[in-house]
Amino acid sequence: MRGIENEGKRVRDMDLKGLRYVAAVADAASFTEAAKLLFVAQPALSRKISQLERELGTELFTRAGGKVRLTEAGQVFCRDARQILADHQRLEQDMERFLRQKETLRLICTTNGAVSYAGRMVNALREKYYGVEANVQTLPSIPGAGESFAQILELLRQERSDVLLAFLPELEGGDLGWIKYKCVEPGGLCAFVTRGHPLYGKGSVCTAELRAYTLALPSDSVAPALSRAVNRALGEPPHIIYSPSFADFRVKVVIENHVGIMPASSRTIEDPFLRCLDISDISGGFDLVAVWNGESETAAVKKLLSIL
């Protein structure tokens, strides 16, 4: 019984280096050539294999007339060694793929105004955690993203995205106990006008000044909270029109000369034809937040949260 236990311990104590050395010598039929292929000194390779043979209590190779051949025991050893090495390589590849997947942050901006914030977050993430990749998308670039905010949240539930950049009021109501969020930029609203508009020369406006103009807002199905906030702040403005996309929003402001209303975080939109004005008497209530599925936080999400 003691002999069987000792044999088992010998097998457990063998390392991968010894297995690689035996397989290389078998392939090259030469200790010298195997050492060259492995980029090791030939004496070190010979000592390692001699050590293995002593531990196993049997020779793995015959050495005669400059020829190196596997013994019968060596053939059994080499066959199983190759299988172990192949399994180990497959394990390394599987773990590499797994970790690479977990270290990729998939971030979706629910509004174009959040893109610049996403860029700064990703840069800070990469500076702190070398090797973390990020995939930033806006809703129009995602097939089947849906038209309502509830459908957008499904991207998180279905694990098609890791983080959304969205607006806090949009998270009110419904069965949302599974989500978590953290503020990226405090709220408020801003107005966009183009050159030639009566408000263009101002640094900021108040809600009373906006009641005289037609206001362009993002689609009510995507950002219903924005429509509610504008109506609440302006006391039912005379006319609101909705834009299904940022391109349409831009046309309504630049070509049709309407006043565009967006969350204050959208002031980072870079467009030579748009001028952003702060709405001075609306200073909060529309925070830009990072939203994630609290039931399935990935390693990349946890790293992102550490820099916010």
Protein backbone atom coordinates (compact mmCIF):
# COMPACT_ATOMS: atom_id res chain seq x y z
CA MET A 1 0.00 0.00 0.00
CA ARG A 2 2.89 2.33 0.89
CA GLY A 3 4.41 1.68 -2.53
CA ILE A 4 1.20 2.71 -4.31
CA GLU A 5 1.01 5.90 -2.25
CA ASN A 6 4.63 6.73 -3.13
CA GLU A 7 3.97 6.18 -6.83
CA GLY A 8 0.96 8.54 -6.66
CA LYS A 9 3.05 11.23 -4.96
CA ARG A 10 5.72 11.00 -7.66
CA VAL A 11 3.10 11.66 -10.34
CA ARG A 12 1.59 14.57 -8.41
CA ASP A 13 5.01 16.17 -7.88
CA MET A 14 5.90 16.22 -11.59
CA ASP A 15 5.81 19.70 -13.12
CA LEU A 16 4.93 20.81 -16.63
CA LYS A 17 8.55 21.65 -17.43
CA GLY A 18 9.53 17.98 -17.16
CA LEU A 19 6.64 16.96 -19.40
CA ARG A 20 7.65 19.51 -22.03
CA TYR A 21 11.27 18.37 -21.90
CA VAL A 22 10.36 14.72 -22.45
CA ALA A 23 8.02 15.53 -25.34
CA ALA A 24 10.66 17.76 -26.99
CA VAL A 25 13.40 15.12 -26.78
CA ALA A 26 11.00 12.51 -28.18
CA ASP A 27 10.14 14.80 -31.10
CA ALA A 28 13.75 15.75 -31.87
CA ALA A 29 15.25 12.31 -31.08
CA SER A 30 18.14 14.31 -29.66
CA PHE A 31 18.89 16.05 -26.36
CA THR A 32 20.98 18.69 -28.15
CA GLU A 33 18.30 19.57 -30.71
CA ALA A 34 15.56 19.53 -28.08
CA ALA A 35 17.55 21.99 -25.96
CA LYS A 36 17.85 24.32 -28.94
CA LEU A 37 14.10 24.18 -29.59
CA LEU A 38 13.34 24.86 -25.92
CA PHE A 39 15.99 27.63 -25.62
CA VAL A 40 17.57 25.94 -22.60
CA ALA A 41 21.05 24.64 -21.90
CA GLN A 42 21.48 20.99 -22.87
CA PRO A 43 22.98 19.97 -19.49
CA ALA A 44 19.96 21.46 -17.67
CA LEU A 45 17.59 19.50 -19.89
CA SER A 46 19.52 16.27 -19.34
CA ARG A 47 19.54 16.78 -15.56
CA LYS A 48 15.78 17.38 -15.51
CA ILE A 49 15.02 14.20 -17.43
CA SER A 50 17.48 12.16 -15.33
CA GLN A 51 15.72 13.49 -12.22
CA LEU A 52 12.37 12.37 -13.64
CA GLU A 53 13.74 8.92 -14.40
CA ARG A 54 15.06 8.56 -10.85
CA GLU A 55 11.71 9.65 -9.38
CA LEU A 56 9.80 7.22 -11.59
CA GLY A 57 12.28 4.40 -11.07
CA THR A 58 12.56 3.67 -14.79
CA GLU A 59 14.32 4.94 -17.89
CA LEU A 60 12.33 7.02 -20.40
CA PHE A 61 14.95 7.02 -23.16
CA THR A 62 17.61 4.68 -24.50
CA ARG A 63 20.83 6.33 -25.59
CA ALA A 64 22.99 4.30 -27.97
CA GLY A 65 25.18 5.21 -30.93
CA GLY A 66 24.08 8.83 -30.88
CA LYS A 67 20.43 7.76 -31.18
CA VAL A 68 17.81 8.68 -28.59
CA ARG A 69 14.64 6.60 -28.49
CA LEU A 70 11.72 6.26 -26.09
CA THR A 71 11.63 3.12 -23.99
CA GLU A 72 8.34 1.30 -23.57
CA ALA A 73 7.80 3.20 -20.31
CA GLY A 74 8.82 6.39 -22.09
CA GLN A 75 6.18 5.83 -24.76
CA VAL A 76 3.44 5.56 -22.12
CA PHE A 77 4.81 8.60 -20.28
CA CYS A 78 5.14 10.70 -23.44
CA ARG A 79 1.63 9.83 -24.67
CA ASP A 80 0.05 11.00 -21.40
CA ALA A 81 2.43 13.97 -21.11
CA ARG A 82 1.28 15.26 -24.50
CA GLN A 83 -2.35 14.98 -23.40
CA ILE A 84 -1.66 16.89 -20.18
CA LEU A 85 0.22 19.62 -22.06
CA ALA A 86 -2.62 19.95 -24.58
CA ASP A 87 -5.19 20.17 -21.76
CA HIS A 88 -3.09 22.81 -20.01
CA GLN A 89 -2.81 24.88 -23.17
CA ARG A 90 -6.55 24.65 -23.70
CA LEU A 91 -7.13 25.73 -20.08
CA GLU A 92 -4.89 28.77 -20.54
CA GLN A 93 -6.71 29.73 -23.75
CA ASP A 94 -10.14 29.32 -22.16
CA MET A 95 -9.17 31.47 -19.18
CA GLU A 96 -7.61 34.09 -21.44
CA ARG A 97 -10.84 34.33 -23.47
CA PHE A 98 -12.91 34.47 -20.28
CA LEU A 99 -10.83 37.23 -18.71
CA ARG A 100 -10.69 39.19 -21.97
CA GLN A 101 -14.47 39.08 -22.19
CA LYS A 102 -14.88 40.16 -18.55
CA GLU A 103 -12.40 42.99 -19.00
CA THR A 104 -14.33 44.57 -21.88
CA LEU A 105 -16.74 47.29 -20.77
CA ARG A 106 -19.80 47.66 -23.02
CA LEU A 107 -21.19 51.16 -22.48
CA ILE A 108 -24.26 52.63 -24.17
CA CYS A 109 -25.09 56.34 -24.28
CA THR A 110 -28.85 56.91 -24.34
CA THR A 111 -28.23 60.45 -25.60
CA ASN A 112 -25.58 62.03 -27.82
CA GLY A 113 -24.87 64.51 -25.03
CA ALA A 114 -23.41 61.70 -22.92
CA VAL A 115 -20.77 60.64 -25.47
CA SER A 116 -18.10 63.07 -24.25
CA TYR A 117 -18.66 61.92 -20.65
CA ALA A 118 -18.29 58.33 -21.80
CA GLY A 119 -15.00 59.22 -23.48
CA ARG A 120 -13.59 60.79 -20.32
CA MET A 121 -14.71 57.82 -18.21
CA VAL A 122 -13.09 55.35 -20.58
CA ASN A 123 -9.81 57.31 -20.64
CA ALA A 124 -9.69 57.41 -16.85
CA LEU A 125 -10.47 53.70 -16.72
CA ARG A 126 -7.64 52.83 -19.10
CA GLU A 127 -5.17 55.02 -17.22
CA LYS A 128 -5.88 53.25 -13.93
CA TYR A 129 -6.39 49.71 -15.26
CA TYR A 130 -4.04 48.81 -18.08
CA GLY A 131 -5.56 46.38 -20.59
CA VAL A 132 -9.24 47.14 -19.96
CA GLU A 133 -11.05 47.61 -23.26
CA ALA A 134 -14.22 49.62 -23.80
CA ASN A 135 -16.94 49.51 -26.43
CA VAL A 136 -18.97 52.74 -26.45
CA GLN A 137 -22.14 52.92 -28.53
CA THR A 138 -25.10 55.22 -29.01
CA LEU A 139 -28.60 53.82 -29.40
CA PRO A 140 -28.94 54.36 -33.18
CA SER A 141 -25.91 52.09 -33.74
CA ILE A 142 -27.46 49.13 -31.88
CA PRO A 143 -29.78 46.85 -33.88
CA GLY A 144 -32.98 46.06 -32.03
CA ALA A 145 -32.32 48.49 -29.19
CA GLY A 146 -35.99 49.46 -29.09
CA GLU A 147 -37.71 52.80 -28.99
CA SER A 148 -38.75 53.11 -25.33
CA PHE A 149 -36.56 53.51 -22.28
CA ALA A 150 -37.96 50.27 -20.86
CA GLN A 151 -36.65 48.46 -23.93
CA ILE A 152 -33.29 50.16 -23.51
CA LEU A 153 -33.07 48.88 -19.93
CA GLU A 154 -33.64 45.37 -21.28
CA LEU A 155 -30.16 45.60 -22.82
CA LEU A 156 -28.84 45.52 -19.26
CA ARG A 157 -31.17 42.78 -18.09
CA GLN A 158 -30.26 40.61 -21.09
CA GLU A 159 -26.53 41.35 -20.47
CA ARG A 160 -26.15 42.87 -23.95
CA SER A 161 -24.61 45.89 -22.25
CA ASP A 162 -22.74 46.51 -18.99
CA VAL A 163 -23.50 50.18 -18.34
CA LEU A 164 -25.95 52.79 -19.64
CA LEU A 165 -25.41 56.52 -19.39
CA ALA A 166 -28.93 57.79 -18.80
CA PHE A 167 -30.92 60.44 -16.92
CA LEU A 168 -32.08 59.87 -13.38
CA PRO A 169 -35.75 60.83 -13.89
CA GLU A 170 -36.07 58.07 -16.49
CA LEU A 171 -35.42 55.49 -13.75
CA GLU A 172 -38.48 56.48 -11.73
CA GLY A 173 -41.31 53.96 -11.38
CA GLY A 174 -41.63 50.38 -12.60
CA ASP A 175 -39.97 47.23 -11.32
CA LEU A 176 -36.40 48.50 -11.26
CA GLY A 177 -35.13 46.95 -8.05
CA TRP A 178 -32.51 45.02 -10.03
CA ILE A 179 -30.67 48.13 -11.27
CA LYS A 180 -28.10 50.34 -9.55
CA TYR A 181 -26.88 53.78 -10.57
CA LYS A 182 -24.29 56.43 -9.70
CA CYS A 183 -24.25 60.12 -10.58
CA VAL A 184 -21.81 61.17 -13.31
CA GLU A 185 -22.95 64.79 -13.77
CA PRO A 186 -25.45 66.82 -11.71
CA GLY A 187 -28.61 67.82 -13.55
CA GLY A 188 -30.51 70.79 -14.89
CA LEU A 189 -31.54 71.72 -18.43
CA CYS A 190 -29.95 73.76 -21.21
CA ALA A 191 -31.15 75.33 -24.45
CA PHE A 192 -29.59 75.11 -27.91
CA VAL A 193 -29.97 77.85 -30.53
CA THR A 194 -28.26 78.67 -33.80
CA ARG A 195 -26.71 81.84 -35.18
CA GLY A 196 -29.37 84.43 -36.02
CA HIS A 197 -31.79 83.33 -33.30
CA PRO A 198 -32.88 86.17 -30.94
CA LEU A 199 -31.39 84.28 -27.96
CA TYR A 200 -28.03 83.55 -29.63
CA GLY A 201 -26.09 86.38 -28.00
CA LYS A 202 -27.10 85.48 -24.45
CA GLY A 203 -24.96 83.52 -22.00
CA SER A 204 -28.01 82.06 -20.28
CA VAL A 205 -31.80 82.28 -20.39
CA CYS A 206 -34.66 81.86 -17.93
CA THR A 207 -37.80 79.79 -18.41
CA ALA A 208 -39.95 82.90 -18.96
CA GLU A 209 -37.92 83.78 -22.07
CA LEU A 210 -38.43 80.32 -23.58
CA ARG A 211 -42.22 80.46 -23.56
CA ALA A 212 -42.20 82.63 -26.68
CA TYR A 213 -40.55 79.98 -28.85
CA THR A 214 -41.25 76.54 -30.28
CA LEU A 215 -39.17 74.03 -28.33
CA ALA A 216 -37.56 70.95 -29.87
CA LEU A 217 -37.12 67.94 -27.56
CA PRO A 218 -35.88 64.37 -28.08
CA SER A 219 -38.60 61.83 -28.80
CA ASP A 220 -41.04 61.53 -25.89
CA SER A 221 -40.89 57.72 -26.15
CA VAL A 222 -37.14 57.73 -25.46
CA ALA A 223 -36.99 60.53 -22.89
CA PRO A 224 -40.47 61.04 -21.41
CA ALA A 225 -38.96 62.50 -18.23
CA LEU A 226 -37.51 65.40 -20.22
CA SER A 227 -40.92 66.33 -21.60
CA ARG A 228 -42.42 66.21 -18.09
CA ALA A 229 -39.58 68.34 -16.72
CA VAL A 230 -40.00 71.01 -19.42
CA ASN A 231 -43.77 71.17 -18.99
CA ARG A 232 -43.39 71.39 -15.23
CA ALA A 233 -40.73 74.13 -15.42
CA LEU A 234 -42.34 76.27 -18.11
CA GLY A 235 -45.96 75.78 -17.10
CA GLU A 236 -47.21 74.16 -20.29
CA PRO A 237 -45.16 76.00 -22.99
CA PRO A 238 -47.07 77.01 -26.13
CA HIS A 239 -45.52 74.53 -28.51
CA ILE A 240 -43.27 71.46 -28.24
CA ILE A 241 -42.12 69.35 -31.18
CA TYR A 242 -40.26 66.06 -30.85
CA SER A 243 -37.20 64.71 -32.66
CA PRO A 244 -36.71 60.96 -33.19
CA SER A 245 -32.93 61.39 -33.56
CA PHE A 246 -30.13 63.86 -32.87
CA ALA A 247 -29.84 64.55 -36.61
CA ASP A 248 -33.51 65.59 -36.69
CA PHE A 249 -33.04 67.63 -33.48
CA ARG A 250 -30.16 69.47 -35.15
CA VAL A 251 -32.28 70.22 -38.25
CA LYS A 252 -35.05 71.67 -36.09
CA VAL A 253 -32.57 73.99 -34.34
CA VAL A 254 -30.18 74.90 -37.17
CA ILE A 255 -32.52 74.92 -40.19
CA GLU A 256 -35.95 75.58 -38.68
CA ASN A 257 -34.56 77.98 -36.04
CA HIS A 258 -36.37 76.46 -33.05
CA VAL A 259 -34.98 76.27 -29.51
CA GLY A 260 -33.66 72.84 -28.59
CA ILE A 261 -33.99 71.68 -24.99
CA MET A 262 -31.69 69.02 -23.55
CA PRO A 263 -30.34 67.96 -20.14
CA ALA A 264 -27.48 70.21 -18.98
CA SER A 265 -24.97 67.40 -19.47
CA SER A 266 -25.55 67.81 -23.23
CA ARG A 267 -23.64 71.11 -23.15
CA THR A 268 -20.58 69.07 -24.13
CA ILE A 269 -22.00 68.45 -27.62
CA GLU A 270 -19.50 69.89 -30.09
CA ASP A 271 -21.17 71.49 -33.10
CA PRO A 272 -20.11 74.78 -34.74
CA PHE A 273 -23.73 75.60 -35.60
CA LEU A 274 -25.17 75.07 -32.11
CA ARG A 275 -24.81 77.42 -29.16
CA CYS A 276 -25.62 76.07 -25.69
CA LEU A 277 -27.28 78.35 -23.13
CA ASP A 278 -27.78 77.48 -19.47
CA ILE A 279 -31.35 77.77 -18.22
CA SER A 280 -30.61 79.78 -15.12
CA ASP A 281 -33.69 78.95 -13.05
CA ILE A 282 -33.49 75.15 -13.54
CA SER A 283 -30.39 73.99 -11.69
CA GLY A 284 -31.15 70.36 -10.85
CA GLY A 285 -33.43 67.40 -11.20
CA PHE A 286 -31.90 65.85 -14.31
CA ASP A 287 -28.71 64.08 -13.22
CA LEU A 288 -26.72 62.06 -15.75
CA VAL A 289 -26.13 58.66 -14.15
CA ALA A 290 -24.25 55.44 -14.90
CA VAL A 291 -26.74 52.57 -14.69
CA TRP A 292 -25.89 48.89 -14.36
CA ASN A 293 -27.47 45.55 -13.50
CA GLY A 294 -26.88 45.14 -9.78
CA GLU A 295 -27.47 41.39 -10.06
CA SER A 296 -24.61 40.77 -12.50
CA GLU A 297 -21.73 43.21 -11.96
CA THR A 298 -18.79 42.32 -14.19
CA ALA A 299 -15.15 42.92 -13.27
CA ALA A 300 -15.04 45.83 -15.76
CA VAL A 301 -18.11 47.46 -14.18
CA LYS A 302 -16.53 47.28 -10.72
CA LYS A 303 -13.39 48.93 -12.06
CA LEU A 304 -15.45 51.68 -13.68
CA LEU A 305 -17.30 52.35 -10.43
CA SER A 306 -13.97 52.77 -8.63
CA ILE A 307 -13.14 55.83 -10.75
CA LEU A 308 -16.54 57.56 -10.64
